[in-house]
Amino acid sequence: MNENPKISIIMPVFNAANFIQGCIDSILKQTLKDWELIIINDGSTDNTLNILQLLVDSRISINTNNHDFIASLNKGLSLSKGKYIVRMDADDIMLSERLQTQYDYMESNPEIDICGSWVETFGESNSIIQVPPDNIQICSSMLLYNPIIHPSVIMKRSVFHNDIANRYSYGYPYAEDYKLWTDLYLKGFRFNNIQKVLLRYRRSKDQVTNRYYLEMTDSSIKVRIEYAEHLIDKMCIHEKIFKPFFESLIDLFNCEVIDLNRLLSTIYYIYNDYYQEKK
């Protein structure tokens, strides 16, 4: 195995025996061959580990962890050796050119630190999920929803290895990736989404986003509120005129004249316009 591969693929796995082989096959079929696959068996209790132990490829390592998704993600970051880190979920499928396309993009755009893509859903629903393309659109959209699809991302390893604080955080169950993106943007890192489907994303009633929908929603709201507070502070520092407006806006929210969606959407439009004017 190459000690310094181009790409480290990080994949925590929990009870994925029904899907893991298809996922692995899609990685083995990648047109870019210079990668390492870091699998973290996240406390599986089904046949997952037996399937993994049958894999014979020097680029694949199997690691173990107690059932703790965030700890497994961060363990994968620590073990990675590639120039770039790619996320993958055990029930999804990479298109064959995914790694090459994302690697070429990152090499050609060194100002970008984190890059996702469109995905095609399959299973219980079939659709194309399109996400915004550039840094400002992505980062203003974070006020309203998570515009970076976690298993589609490629990231510079230096983002995480140069500052251990840039890791997945506890306290935001089932939205830890959303929290990470907002934190990284506020630290000055730049985002993009390739406007092309590079991943097939499985939809099923058993996936985390369905089984823990209420917890994920609560965490996502927490992320949006914290992020909005930071953006308001950021705009008020640069433009003093914003302070009385935002104070009035927050008063309207606290008095229940407007709801959270109206509050965040107003901040979204102002933030977008503010940065468009600065271009």
C-alpha atoms as a PDB file:
ATOM      1  CA  MET A   1       0.000   0.000   0.000  1.00  0.00           C
ATOM      2  CA  ASN A   2       1.203   3.503  -0.797  1.00  0.00           C
ATOM      3  CA  GLU A   3       2.238   5.200   2.465  1.00  0.00           C
ATOM      4  CA  ASN A   4       1.063   8.543   1.108  1.00  0.00           C
ATOM      5  CA  PRO A   5      -1.984   7.868  -1.076  1.00  0.00           C
ATOM      6  CA  LYS A   6      -3.787  10.603  -2.918  1.00  0.00           C
ATOM      7  CA  ILE A   7      -7.013   9.897  -1.053  1.00  0.00           C
ATOM      8  CA  SER A   8      -8.016   8.427   2.304  1.00  0.00           C
ATOM      9  CA  ILE A   9     -11.590   7.114   2.324  1.00  0.00           C
ATOM     10  CA  ILE A  10     -13.096   7.125   5.824  1.00  0.00           C
ATOM     11  CA  MET A  11     -16.034   4.811   6.403  1.00  0.00           C
ATOM     12  CA  PRO A  12     -17.503   3.991   9.828  1.00  0.00           C
ATOM     13  CA  VAL A  13     -19.635   0.846   9.569  1.00  0.00           C
ATOM     14  CA  PHE A  14     -22.434  -0.244  11.877  1.00  0.00           C
ATOM     15  CA  ASN A  15     -24.589  -3.304  11.122  1.00  0.00           C
ATOM     16  CA  ALA A  16     -24.270  -2.911   7.361  1.00  0.00           C
ATOM     17  CA  ALA A  17     -24.067  -6.575   6.370  1.00  0.00           C
ATOM     18  CA  ASN A  18     -26.895  -6.219   3.848  1.00  0.00           C
ATOM     19  CA  PHE A  19     -25.197  -3.422   1.908  1.00  0.00           C
ATOM     20  CA  ILE A  20     -21.470  -3.342   2.617  1.00  0.00           C
ATOM     21  CA  GLN A  21     -20.357  -5.562  -0.283  1.00  0.00           C
ATOM     22  CA  GLY A  22     -21.968  -3.333  -2.916  1.00  0.00           C
ATOM     23  CA  CYS A  23     -20.370  -0.299  -1.354  1.00  0.00           C
ATOM     24  CA  ILE A  24     -16.912  -1.924  -1.287  1.00  0.00           C
ATOM     25  CA  ASP A  25     -17.303  -3.079  -4.894  1.00  0.00           C
ATOM     26  CA  SER A  26     -18.024   0.503  -5.999  1.00  0.00           C
ATOM     27  CA  ILE A  27     -14.803   1.656  -4.329  1.00  0.00           C
ATOM     28  CA  LEU A  28     -12.754  -1.122  -5.912  1.00  0.00           C
ATOM     29  CA  LYS A  29     -14.110  -0.081  -9.336  1.00  0.00           C
ATOM     30  CA  GLN A  30     -12.896   3.525  -9.045  1.00  0.00           C
ATOM     31  CA  THR A  31     -10.917   4.810 -12.014  1.00  0.00           C
ATOM     32  CA  LEU A  32      -8.488   6.444  -9.571  1.00  0.00           C
ATOM     33  CA  LYS A  33      -6.612   3.605  -7.870  1.00  0.00           C
ATOM     34  CA  ASP A  34      -4.308   5.472  -5.468  1.00  0.00           C
ATOM     35  CA  TRP A  35      -6.408   5.406  -2.303  1.00  0.00           C
ATOM     36  CA  GLU A  36      -6.621   3.852   1.118  1.00  0.00           C
ATOM     37  CA  LEU A  37      -9.907   2.734   2.645  1.00  0.00           C
ATOM     38  CA  ILE A  38     -10.068   3.139   6.411  1.00  0.00           C
ATOM     39  CA  ILE A  39     -13.001   1.122   7.714  1.00  0.00           C
ATOM     40  CA  ILE A  40     -13.974   1.581  11.347  1.00  0.00           C
ATOM     41  CA  ASN A  41     -16.219  -1.217  12.548  1.00  0.00           C
ATOM     42  CA  ASP A  42     -18.405   0.868  14.854  1.00  0.00           C
ATOM     43  CA  GLY A  43     -19.533  -1.883  17.231  1.00  0.00           C
ATOM     44  CA  SER A  44     -21.465  -3.941  14.672  1.00  0.00           C
ATOM     45  CA  THR A  45     -23.484  -6.850  16.077  1.00  0.00           C
ATOM     46  CA  ASP A  46     -24.520  -8.460  12.769  1.00  0.00           C
ATOM     47  CA  ASN A  47     -22.389 -10.236  10.160  1.00  0.00           C
ATOM     48  CA  THR A  48     -20.579  -7.056   9.061  1.00  0.00           C
ATOM     49  CA  LEU A  49     -17.186  -7.928  10.558  1.00  0.00           C
ATOM     50  CA  ASN A  50     -17.181 -11.416   8.995  1.00  0.00           C
ATOM     51  CA  ILE A  51     -17.785  -9.882   5.567  1.00  0.00           C
ATOM     52  CA  LEU A  52     -15.041  -7.296   6.088  1.00  0.00           C
ATOM     53  CA  GLN A  53     -12.517  -9.927   7.153  1.00  0.00           C
ATOM     54  CA  LEU A  54     -12.891 -11.612   3.745  1.00  0.00           C
ATOM     55  CA  LEU A  55     -11.549  -8.517   1.965  1.00  0.00           C
ATOM     56  CA  VAL A  56      -8.109  -9.011   0.431  1.00  0.00           C
ATOM     57  CA  ASP A  57      -6.635  -5.681  -0.638  1.00  0.00           C
ATOM     58  CA  SER A  58      -3.582  -4.016   0.889  1.00  0.00           C
ATOM     59  CA  ARG A  59      -5.261  -0.612   0.507  1.00  0.00           C
ATOM     60  CA  ILE A  60      -8.011  -1.572   2.970  1.00  0.00           C
ATOM     61  CA  SER A  61      -7.565  -1.463   6.744  1.00  0.00           C
ATOM     62  CA  ILE A  62     -10.171  -2.630   9.258  1.00  0.00           C
ATOM     63  CA  ASN A  63     -10.220  -0.922  12.619  1.00  0.00           C
ATOM     64  CA  THR A  64     -12.525  -1.384  15.591  1.00  0.00           C
ATOM     65  CA  ASN A  65     -14.304   1.016  17.897  1.00  0.00           C
ATOM     66  CA  ASN A  66     -17.070   0.846  20.465  1.00  0.00           C
ATOM     67  CA  HIS A  67     -20.387   2.001  19.045  1.00  0.00           C
ATOM     68  CA  ASP A  68     -19.765   5.757  18.881  1.00  0.00           C
ATOM     69  CA  PHE A  69     -20.165   7.279  15.419  1.00  0.00           C
ATOM     70  CA  ILE A  70     -18.438  10.576  16.206  1.00  0.00           C
ATOM     71  CA  ALA A  71     -15.464   8.852  17.838  1.00  0.00           C
ATOM     72  CA  SER A  72     -15.226   6.526  14.827  1.00  0.00           C
ATOM     73  CA  LEU A  73     -15.250   9.471  12.412  1.00  0.00           C
ATOM     74  CA  ASN A  74     -12.516  11.235  14.364  1.00  0.00           C
ATOM     75  CA  LYS A  75     -10.499   8.012  14.606  1.00  0.00           C
ATOM     76  CA  GLY A  76     -10.650   7.772  10.818  1.00  0.00           C
ATOM     77  CA  LEU A  77      -9.378  11.338  10.509  1.00  0.00           C
ATOM     78  CA  SER A  78      -6.455  10.527  12.811  1.00  0.00           C
ATOM     79  CA  LEU A  79      -5.518   7.385  10.873  1.00  0.00           C
ATOM     80  CA  SER A  80      -5.678   8.992   7.421  1.00  0.00           C
ATOM     81  CA  LYS A  81      -2.488   9.492   5.393  1.00  0.00           C
ATOM     82  CA  GLY A  82      -3.824  10.835   2.092  1.00  0.00           C
ATOM     83  CA  LYS A  83      -3.568  14.350   0.765  1.00  0.00           C
ATOM     84  CA  TYR A  84      -7.365  14.410   0.698  1.00  0.00           C
ATOM     85  CA  ILE A  85     -10.032  12.750   2.839  1.00  0.00           C
ATOM     86  CA  VAL A  86     -13.205  11.350   1.282  1.00  0.00           C
ATOM     87  CA  ARG A  87     -16.264  10.368   3.315  1.00  0.00           C
ATOM     88  CA  MET A  88     -18.330   7.332   2.492  1.00  0.00           C
ATOM     89  CA  ASP A  89     -21.286   5.556   4.099  1.00  0.00           C
ATOM     90  CA  ALA A  90     -21.494   1.778   4.037  1.00  0.00           C
ATOM     91  CA  ASP A  91     -24.880   1.632   2.299  1.00  0.00           C
ATOM     92  CA  ASP A  92     -24.099   4.056  -0.533  1.00  0.00           C
ATOM     93  CA  ILE A  93     -22.540   3.543  -3.965  1.00  0.00           C
ATOM     94  CA  MET A  94     -19.783   5.606  -5.601  1.00  0.00           C
ATOM     95  CA  LEU A  95     -19.983   6.248  -9.312  1.00  0.00           C
ATOM     96  CA  SER A  96     -16.814   4.902 -10.885  1.00  0.00           C
ATOM     97  CA  GLU A  97     -15.312   8.333 -11.650  1.00  0.00           C
ATOM     98  CA  ARG A  98     -16.120   9.904  -8.279  1.00  0.00           C
ATOM     99  CA  LEU A  99     -12.621   9.880  -6.777  1.00  0.00           C
ATOM    100  CA  GLN A 100     -10.891  10.999  -9.971  1.00  0.00           C
ATOM    101  CA  THR A 101     -13.391  13.821 -10.547  1.00  0.00           C
ATOM    102  CA  GLN A 102     -13.092  15.169  -7.022  1.00  0.00           C
ATOM    103  CA  TYR A 103      -9.318  14.760  -6.897  1.00  0.00           C
ATOM    104  CA  ASP A 104      -8.898  16.644 -10.195  1.00  0.00           C
ATOM    105  CA  TYR A 105     -11.212  19.398  -8.979  1.00  0.00           C
ATOM    106  CA  MET A 106      -9.305  19.899  -5.725  1.00  0.00           C
ATOM    107  CA  GLU A 107      -5.962  19.918  -7.530  1.00  0.00           C
ATOM    108  CA  SER A 108      -7.235  22.542  -9.971  1.00  0.00           C
ATOM    109  CA  ASN A 109      -8.865  24.696  -7.270  1.00  0.00           C
ATOM    110  CA  PRO A 110      -6.428  24.900  -4.344  1.00  0.00           C
ATOM    111  CA  GLU A 111      -8.469  27.660  -2.677  1.00  0.00           C
ATOM    112  CA  ILE A 112     -11.238  25.124  -1.932  1.00  0.00           C
ATOM    113  CA  ASP A 113     -10.976  23.109   1.291  1.00  0.00           C
ATOM    114  CA  ILE A 114     -14.194  21.041   1.311  1.00  0.00           C
ATOM    115  CA  CYS A 115     -16.109  19.918  -1.768  1.00  0.00           C
ATOM    116  CA  GLY A 116     -19.289  17.893  -2.122  1.00  0.00           C
ATOM    117  CA  SER A 117     -21.425  16.943  -5.099  1.00  0.00           C
ATOM    118  CA  TRP A 118     -24.951  16.220  -6.231  1.00  0.00           C
ATOM    119  CA  VAL A 119     -26.284  12.763  -5.383  1.00  0.00           C
ATOM    120  CA  GLU A 120     -28.867  10.418  -6.823  1.00  0.00           C
ATOM    121  CA  THR A 121     -31.139   8.739  -4.284  1.00  0.00           C
ATOM    122  CA  PHE A 122     -32.219   5.131  -4.696  1.00  0.00           C
ATOM    123  CA  GLY A 123     -34.131   2.554  -2.691  1.00  0.00           C
ATOM    124  CA  GLU A 124     -37.378   3.919  -1.280  1.00  0.00           C
ATOM    125  CA  SER A 125     -37.196   7.065  -3.404  1.00  0.00           C
ATOM    126  CA  ASN A 126     -35.450   8.055  -6.613  1.00  0.00           C
ATOM    127  CA  SER A 127     -34.418  11.634  -7.257  1.00  0.00           C
ATOM    128  CA  ILE A 128     -31.467  13.915  -7.890  1.00  0.00           C
ATOM    129  CA  ILE A 129     -30.491  16.086  -4.918  1.00  0.00           C
ATOM    130  CA  GLN A 130     -28.948  19.290  -6.241  1.00  0.00           C
ATOM    131  CA  VAL A 131     -26.945  21.473  -3.884  1.00  0.00           C
ATOM    132  CA  PRO A 132     -25.642  25.047  -4.393  1.00  0.00           C
ATOM    133  CA  PRO A 133     -22.324  25.468  -6.225  1.00  0.00           C
ATOM    134  CA  ASP A 134     -20.160  28.164  -4.686  1.00  0.00           C
ATOM    135  CA  ASN A 135     -18.829  29.202  -1.307  1.00  0.00           C
ATOM    136  CA  ILE A 136     -21.163  32.152  -0.622  1.00  0.00           C
ATOM    137  CA  GLN A 137     -24.319  30.328  -1.743  1.00  0.00           C
ATOM    138  CA  ILE A 138     -23.354  27.273   0.292  1.00  0.00           C
ATOM    139  CA  CYS A 139     -22.506  29.190   3.428  1.00  0.00           C
ATOM    140  CA  SER A 140     -25.566  31.440   3.353  1.00  0.00           C
ATOM    141  CA  SER A 141     -27.728  28.351   2.718  1.00  0.00           C
ATOM    142  CA  MET A 142     -26.384  26.854   5.956  1.00  0.00           C
ATOM    143  CA  LEU A 143     -28.781  29.229   7.718  1.00  0.00           C
ATOM    144  CA  LEU A 144     -31.700  27.281   6.244  1.00  0.00           C
ATOM    145  CA  TYR A 145     -30.474  23.694   5.745  1.00  0.00           C
ATOM    146  CA  ASN A 146     -27.364  21.565   5.379  1.00  0.00           C
ATOM    147  CA  PRO A 147     -26.148  22.147   1.767  1.00  0.00           C
ATOM    148  CA  ILE A 148     -23.213  19.717   1.973  1.00  0.00           C
ATOM    149  CA  ILE A 149     -24.149  16.037   1.617  1.00  0.00           C
ATOM    150  CA  HIS A 150     -21.845  14.295   4.061  1.00  0.00           C
ATOM    151  CA  PRO A 151     -20.988  11.065   2.179  1.00  0.00           C
ATOM    152  CA  SER A 152     -20.299  13.077  -0.988  1.00  0.00           C
ATOM    153  CA  VAL A 153     -17.459  15.195   0.397  1.00  0.00           C
ATOM    154  CA  ILE A 154     -13.746  15.392  -0.291  1.00  0.00           C
ATOM    155  CA  MET A 155     -11.681  17.496   2.126  1.00  0.00           C
ATOM    156  CA  LYS A 156      -8.090  18.570   2.507  1.00  0.00           C
ATOM    157  CA  ARG A 157      -6.476  16.444   5.205  1.00  0.00           C
ATOM    158  CA  SER A 158      -4.552  19.524   6.328  1.00  0.00           C
ATOM    159  CA  VAL A 159      -7.843  21.061   7.533  1.00  0.00           C
ATOM    160  CA  PHE A 160      -7.960  18.445  10.289  1.00  0.00           C
ATOM    161  CA  HIS A 161      -4.335  17.537  10.912  1.00  0.00           C
ATOM    162  CA  ASN A 162      -3.139  21.139  11.232  1.00  0.00           C
ATOM    163  CA  ASP A 163      -5.708  21.872  13.956  1.00  0.00           C
ATOM    164  CA  ILE A 164      -7.099  19.041  16.055  1.00  0.00           C
ATOM    165  CA  ALA A 165      -9.998  21.337  17.062  1.00  0.00           C
ATOM    166  CA  ASN A 166     -11.346  20.934  13.524  1.00  0.00           C
ATOM    167  CA  ARG A 167     -13.052  17.629  14.227  1.00  0.00           C
ATOM    168  CA  TYR A 168     -16.582  16.286  14.613  1.00  0.00           C
ATOM    169  CA  SER A 169     -18.205  17.529  17.840  1.00  0.00           C
ATOM    170  CA  TYR A 170     -20.480  15.961  20.419  1.00  0.00           C
ATOM    171  CA  GLY A 171     -23.642  17.765  21.443  1.00  0.00           C
ATOM    172  CA  TYR A 172     -25.258  17.764  17.981  1.00  0.00           C
ATOM    173  CA  PRO A 173     -26.581  14.195  17.565  1.00  0.00           C
ATOM    174  CA  TYR A 174     -27.239  13.196  13.949  1.00  0.00           C
ATOM    175  CA  ALA A 175     -26.164  16.660  12.735  1.00  0.00           C
ATOM    176  CA  GLU A 176     -22.461  16.502  13.607  1.00  0.00           C
ATOM    177  CA  ASP A 177     -21.479  17.091   9.982  1.00  0.00           C
ATOM    178  CA  TYR A 178     -23.727  20.187   9.750  1.00  0.00           C
ATOM    179  CA  LYS A 179     -22.057  21.583  12.873  1.00  0.00           C
ATOM    180  CA  LEU A 180     -18.604  20.860  11.410  1.00  0.00           C
ATOM    181  CA  TRP A 181     -19.360  22.731   8.162  1.00  0.00           C
ATOM    182  CA  THR A 182     -20.563  25.857   9.984  1.00  0.00           C
ATOM    183  CA  ASP A 183     -17.546  25.799  12.298  1.00  0.00           C
ATOM    184  CA  LEU A 184     -15.119  25.446   9.396  1.00  0.00           C
ATOM    185  CA  TYR A 185     -16.735  28.261   7.410  1.00  0.00           C
ATOM    186  CA  LEU A 186     -16.518  30.591  10.398  1.00  0.00           C
ATOM    187  CA  LYS A 187     -12.804  29.748  10.624  1.00  0.00           C
ATOM    188  CA  GLY A 188     -12.300  30.836   7.014  1.00  0.00           C
ATOM    189  CA  PHE A 189     -12.348  27.547   5.118  1.00  0.00           C
ATOM    190  CA  ARG A 190     -13.946  27.530   1.666  1.00  0.00           C
ATOM    191  CA  PHE A 191     -16.565  25.214   0.171  1.00  0.00           C
ATOM    192  CA  ASN A 192     -17.839  24.091  -3.219  1.00  0.00           C
ATOM    193  CA  ASN A 193     -20.210  21.500  -4.644  1.00  0.00           C
ATOM    194  CA  ILE A 194     -19.484  19.859  -7.992  1.00  0.00           C
ATOM    195  CA  GLN A 195     -22.650  20.180 -10.080  1.00  0.00           C
ATOM    196  CA  LYS A 196     -22.691  16.542 -11.050  1.00  0.00           C
ATOM    197  CA  VAL A 197     -23.962  13.288  -9.533  1.00  0.00           C
ATOM    198  CA  LEU A 198     -20.997  11.354  -8.119  1.00  0.00           C
ATOM    199  CA  LEU A 199     -22.737   9.236  -5.491  1.00  0.00           C
ATOM    200  CA  ARG A 200     -25.829   7.050  -5.238  1.00  0.00           C
ATOM    201  CA  TYR A 201     -27.387   7.739  -1.840  1.00  0.00           C
ATOM    202  CA  ARG A 202     -29.586   5.030  -0.352  1.00  0.00           C
ATOM    203  CA  ARG A 203     -33.008   5.945   1.029  1.00  0.00           C
ATOM    204  CA  SER A 204     -34.608   3.513   3.476  1.00  0.00           C
ATOM    205  CA  LYS A 205     -36.937   3.592   6.452  1.00  0.00           C
ATOM    206  CA  ASP A 206     -34.125   2.203   8.611  1.00  0.00           C
ATOM    207  CA  GLN A 207     -31.553   4.918   7.878  1.00  0.00           C
ATOM    208  CA  VAL A 208     -30.483   7.245  10.669  1.00  0.00           C
ATOM    209  CA  THR A 209     -32.191  10.319   9.176  1.00  0.00           C
ATOM    210  CA  ASN A 210     -35.551   8.529   9.424  1.00  0.00           C
ATOM    211  CA  ARG A 211     -35.149   6.650  12.718  1.00  0.00           C
ATOM    212  CA  TYR A 212     -33.821   9.698  14.563  1.00  0.00           C
ATOM    213  CA  TYR A 213     -35.592  12.429  12.647  1.00  0.00           C
ATOM    214  CA  LEU A 214     -36.739  14.403  15.710  1.00  0.00           C
ATOM    215  CA  GLU A 215     -33.289  14.352  17.344  1.00  0.00           C
ATOM    216  CA  MET A 216     -31.665  15.353  14.050  1.00  0.00           C
ATOM    217  CA  THR A 217     -34.164  18.193  13.610  1.00  0.00           C
ATOM    218  CA  ASP A 218     -33.475  19.520  17.112  1.00  0.00           C
ATOM    219  CA  SER A 219     -29.712  19.385  16.514  1.00  0.00           C
ATOM    220  CA  SER A 220     -30.065  21.091  13.140  1.00  0.00           C
ATOM    221  CA  ILE A 221     -32.080  23.932  14.666  1.00  0.00           C
ATOM    222  CA  LYS A 222     -29.397  24.334  17.330  1.00  0.00           C
ATOM    223  CA  VAL A 223     -26.717  24.543  14.609  1.00  0.00           C
ATOM    224  CA  ARG A 224     -28.699  27.157  12.639  1.00  0.00           C
ATOM    225  CA  ILE A 225     -29.310  29.377  15.656  1.00  0.00           C
ATOM    226  CA  GLU A 226     -25.658  29.300  16.745  1.00  0.00           C
ATOM    227  CA  TYR A 227     -24.517  29.925  13.175  1.00  0.00           C
ATOM    228  CA  ALA A 228     -26.947  32.836  12.741  1.00  0.00           C
ATOM    229  CA  GLU A 229     -25.615  34.443  15.926  1.00  0.00           C
ATOM    230  CA  HIS A 230     -22.058  34.271  14.573  1.00  0.00           C
ATOM    231  CA  LEU A 231     -23.037  35.698  11.192  1.00  0.00           C
ATOM    232  CA  ILE A 232     -24.939  38.564  12.797  1.00  0.00           C
ATOM    233  CA  ASP A 233     -21.893  39.384  14.936  1.00  0.00           C
ATOM    234  CA  LYS A 234     -19.690  39.195  11.846  1.00  0.00           C
ATOM    235  CA  MET A 235     -21.873  41.596   9.832  1.00  0.00           C
ATOM    236  CA  CYS A 236     -22.302  44.026  12.724  1.00  0.00           C
ATOM    237  CA  ILE A 237     -18.545  44.244  13.237  1.00  0.00           C
ATOM    238  CA  HIS A 238     -18.023  45.242   9.595  1.00  0.00           C
ATOM    239  CA  GLU A 239     -21.156  47.366   9.180  1.00  0.00           C
ATOM    240  CA  LYS A 240     -22.352  49.140  12.350  1.00  0.00           C
ATOM    241  CA  ILE A 241     -25.630  50.079  10.649  1.00  0.00           C
ATOM    242  CA  PHE A 242     -26.728  46.422  10.879  1.00  0.00           C
ATOM    243  CA  LYS A 243     -26.798  46.367  14.694  1.00  0.00           C
ATOM    244  CA  PRO A 244     -30.109  48.214  15.334  1.00  0.00           C
ATOM    245  CA  PHE A 245     -31.796  46.308  12.518  1.00  0.00           C
ATOM    246  CA  PHE A 246     -30.805  42.907  13.896  1.00  0.00           C
ATOM    247  CA  GLU A 247     -31.733  43.952  17.426  1.00  0.00           C
ATOM    248  CA  SER A 248     -35.219  44.845  16.178  1.00  0.00           C
ATOM    249  CA  LEU A 249     -35.451  41.606  14.197  1.00  0.00           C
ATOM    250  CA  ILE A 250     -34.535  39.503  17.228  1.00  0.00           C
ATOM    251  CA  ASP A 251     -37.050  41.426  19.354  1.00  0.00           C
ATOM    252  CA  LEU A 252     -39.761  40.485  16.846  1.00  0.00           C
ATOM    253  CA  PHE A 253     -38.720  36.844  17.129  1.00  0.00           C
ATOM    254  CA  ASN A 254     -38.626  36.918  20.935  1.00  0.00           C
ATOM    255  CA  CYS A 255     -42.109  38.473  20.959  1.00  0.00           C
ATOM    256  CA  GLU A 256     -43.300  35.710  18.585  1.00  0.00           C
ATOM    257  CA  VAL A 257     -44.233  38.200  15.883  1.00  0.00           C
ATOM    258  CA  ILE A 258     -42.079  36.201  13.476  1.00  0.00           C
ATOM    259  CA  ASP A 259     -41.076  32.517  13.687  1.00  0.00           C
ATOM    260  CA  LEU A 260     -37.646  30.957  13.421  1.00  0.00           C
ATOM    261  CA  ASN A 261     -37.962  30.284   9.694  1.00  0.00           C
ATOM    262  CA  ARG A 262     -38.763  33.949   8.990  1.00  0.00           C
ATOM    263  CA  LEU A 263     -35.887  35.058  11.216  1.00  0.00           C
ATOM    264  CA  LEU A 264     -33.356  32.815   9.509  1.00  0.00           C
ATOM    265  CA  SER A 265     -34.599  33.510   5.989  1.00  0.00           C
ATOM    266  CA  THR A 266     -34.306  37.272   6.610  1.00  0.00           C
ATOM    267  CA  ILE A 267     -30.716  36.842   7.822  1.00  0.00           C
ATOM    268  CA  TYR A 268     -30.083  34.629   4.791  1.00  0.00           C
ATOM    269  CA  TYR A 269     -31.194  37.299   2.276  1.00  0.00           C
ATOM    270  CA  ILE A 270     -29.281  40.064   4.043  1.00  0.00           C
ATOM    271  CA  TYR A 271     -26.115  37.972   4.232  1.00  0.00           C
ATOM    272  CA  ASN A 272     -26.347  37.053   0.551  1.00  0.00           C
ATOM    273  CA  ASP A 273     -26.917  40.688  -0.484  1.00  0.00           C
ATOM    274  CA  TYR A 274     -24.135  41.897   1.806  1.00  0.00           C
ATOM    275  CA  TYR A 275     -21.566  39.632   0.173  1.00  0.00           C
ATOM    276  CA  GLN A 276     -22.828  40.275  -3.343  1.00  0.00           C
ATOM    277  CA  GLU A 277     -22.233  43.997  -2.774  1.00  0.00           C
ATOM    278  CA  LYS A 278     -18.713  43.320  -1.505  1.00  0.00           C
ATOM    279  CA  LYS A 279     -17.684  41.473  -4.668  1.00  0.00           C
END
